[in-house]
């Protein structure tokens, strides 16, 4: 669910105070800011954690954009006997 335009951006400052490496993030709605640059984080997608290193191109995006929640379908191959 996207955040309304009239609300301010959602940043969780408590995550940056943790001393654990890598930082574990459950909220996919947090926007990546300059403070997260260079950190290793693990983002939870509902099933498992995805490990991610924050780079400069990711600033301004949400953490949820970098942890996929769906698998690609695996189609069965047909057995053609000629």
C-alpha atoms as a PDB file:
ATOM      1  CA  UNK A   1       0.000   0.000   0.000  1.00  0.00           C
ATOM      2  CA  UNK A   2       1.444   3.377  -0.940  1.00  0.00           C
ATOM      3  CA  UNK A   3       1.696   6.317   1.394  1.00  0.00           C
ATOM      4  CA  UNK A   4      -0.472   9.406   0.848  1.00  0.00           C
ATOM      5  CA  UNK A   5       1.156  12.454  -0.737  1.00  0.00           C
ATOM      6  CA  UNK A   6       0.104  14.787   2.090  1.00  0.00           C
ATOM      7  CA  UNK A   7       1.867  12.672   4.719  1.00  0.00           C
ATOM      8  CA  UNK A   8       5.570  13.097   5.301  1.00  0.00           C
ATOM      9  CA  UNK A   9       8.039  10.362   4.373  1.00  0.00           C
ATOM     10  CA  UNK A  10       8.338   7.407   6.734  1.00  0.00           C
ATOM     11  CA  UNK A  11      11.806   7.044   8.250  1.00  0.00           C
ATOM     12  CA  UNK A  12      12.519   4.812  11.239  1.00  0.00           C
ATOM     13  CA  UNK A  13      15.382   6.414  13.183  1.00  0.00           C
ATOM     14  CA  UNK A  14      15.468   3.560  15.737  1.00  0.00           C
ATOM     15  CA  UNK A  15      17.035   1.247  13.161  1.00  0.00           C
ATOM     16  CA  UNK A  16      20.132   3.426  12.864  1.00  0.00           C
ATOM     17  CA  UNK A  17      20.789   3.278  16.631  1.00  0.00           C
ATOM     18  CA  UNK A  18      21.260  -0.494  16.583  1.00  0.00           C
ATOM     19  CA  UNK A  19      24.807  -1.816  16.794  1.00  0.00           C
ATOM     20  CA  UNK A  20      24.039  -5.184  15.176  1.00  0.00           C
ATOM     21  CA  UNK A  21      25.461  -5.931  11.753  1.00  0.00           C
ATOM     22  CA  UNK A  22      23.573  -6.530   9.454  1.00  0.00           C
ATOM     23  CA  UNK A  23      20.492  -4.542  10.495  1.00  0.00           C
ATOM     24  CA  UNK A  24      17.206  -6.469  10.295  1.00  0.00           C
ATOM     25  CA  UNK A  25      14.266  -4.554   8.791  1.00  0.00           C
ATOM     26  CA  UNK A  26      10.691  -5.804   8.882  1.00  0.00           C
ATOM     27  CA  UNK A  27       8.980  -2.677   7.522  1.00  0.00           C
ATOM     28  CA  UNK A  28       9.248  -2.508   3.740  1.00  0.00           C
ATOM     29  CA  UNK A  29       7.685   0.988   3.682  1.00  0.00           C
ATOM     30  CA  UNK A  30      10.753   2.779   5.107  1.00  0.00           C
ATOM     31  CA  UNK A  31      12.348   5.154   2.613  1.00  0.00           C
ATOM     32  CA  UNK A  32      16.116   4.797   2.137  1.00  0.00           C
ATOM     33  CA  UNK A  33      17.893   8.011   3.140  1.00  0.00           C
ATOM     34  CA  UNK A  34      21.510   9.194   3.256  1.00  0.00           C
ATOM     35  CA  UNK A  35      21.991   7.730   6.762  1.00  0.00           C
ATOM     36  CA  UNK A  36      21.580   4.167   5.461  1.00  0.00           C
ATOM     37  CA  UNK A  37      24.298   4.565   2.816  1.00  0.00           C
ATOM     38  CA  UNK A  38      26.919   1.802   3.008  1.00  0.00           C
ATOM     39  CA  UNK A  39      25.048  -0.304   5.565  1.00  0.00           C
ATOM     40  CA  UNK A  40      24.252  -3.993   5.211  1.00  0.00           C
ATOM     41  CA  UNK A  41      20.591  -4.703   5.923  1.00  0.00           C
ATOM     42  CA  UNK A  42      18.351  -7.753   5.846  1.00  0.00           C
ATOM     43  CA  UNK A  43      14.836  -7.030   4.562  1.00  0.00           C
ATOM     44  CA  UNK A  44      11.972  -9.367   5.460  1.00  0.00           C
ATOM     45  CA  UNK A  45       9.503 -10.137   2.667  1.00  0.00           C
ATOM     46  CA  UNK A  46       7.079 -12.290   4.640  1.00  0.00           C
ATOM     47  CA  UNK A  47       8.884 -15.571   4.056  1.00  0.00           C
ATOM     48  CA  UNK A  48      12.625 -14.968   4.261  1.00  0.00           C
ATOM     49  CA  UNK A  49      15.243 -12.241   4.616  1.00  0.00           C
ATOM     50  CA  UNK A  50      17.087 -10.708   1.655  1.00  0.00           C
ATOM     51  CA  UNK A  51      20.542  -9.342   2.388  1.00  0.00           C
ATOM     52  CA  UNK A  52      21.234  -5.999   0.757  1.00  0.00           C
ATOM     53  CA  UNK A  53      24.093  -3.499   0.689  1.00  0.00           C
ATOM     54  CA  UNK A  54      22.779   0.072   0.361  1.00  0.00           C
ATOM     55  CA  UNK A  55      24.349   2.066  -2.480  1.00  0.00           C
ATOM     56  CA  UNK A  56      23.831   5.640  -3.647  1.00  0.00           C
ATOM     57  CA  UNK A  57      21.381   4.741  -6.442  1.00  0.00           C
ATOM     58  CA  UNK A  58      18.928   3.342  -3.864  1.00  0.00           C
ATOM     59  CA  UNK A  59      18.440   6.630  -1.969  1.00  0.00           C
ATOM     60  CA  UNK A  60      14.835   7.822  -2.232  1.00  0.00           C
ATOM     61  CA  UNK A  61      13.409   4.350  -2.889  1.00  0.00           C
ATOM     62  CA  UNK A  62      11.664   2.107  -0.363  1.00  0.00           C
ATOM     63  CA  UNK A  63      13.207  -1.026   1.119  1.00  0.00           C
ATOM     64  CA  UNK A  64      10.321  -3.096  -0.239  1.00  0.00           C
ATOM     65  CA  UNK A  65      11.405  -2.449  -3.814  1.00  0.00           C
ATOM     66  CA  UNK A  66      14.538  -4.530  -3.265  1.00  0.00           C
ATOM     67  CA  UNK A  67      12.998  -7.616  -1.652  1.00  0.00           C
ATOM     68  CA  UNK A  68      10.735  -9.537  -4.051  1.00  0.00           C
ATOM     69  CA  UNK A  69       7.634 -11.126  -2.549  1.00  0.00           C
ATOM     70  CA  UNK A  70       6.631 -13.388  -5.433  1.00  0.00           C
ATOM     71  CA  UNK A  71       8.326 -16.257  -7.196  1.00  0.00           C
ATOM     72  CA  UNK A  72       8.490 -16.550 -10.956  1.00  0.00           C
ATOM     73  CA  UNK A  73       6.356 -19.434 -12.223  1.00  0.00           C
ATOM     74  CA  UNK A  74       8.145 -22.646 -13.141  1.00  0.00           C
ATOM     75  CA  UNK A  75       6.388 -24.230 -16.123  1.00  0.00           C
ATOM     76  CA  UNK A  76       6.709 -27.934 -16.764  1.00  0.00           C
ATOM     77  CA  UNK A  77       8.333 -29.054 -19.982  1.00  0.00           C
ATOM     78  CA  UNK A  78       6.339 -31.214 -22.371  1.00  0.00           C
ATOM     79  CA  UNK A  79       7.677 -34.661 -23.171  1.00  0.00           C
ATOM     80  CA  UNK A  80       7.332 -35.074 -26.927  1.00  0.00           C
ATOM     81  CA  UNK A  81       8.037 -38.655 -27.921  1.00  0.00           C
ATOM     82  CA  UNK A  82       8.403 -39.056 -31.676  1.00  0.00           C
END
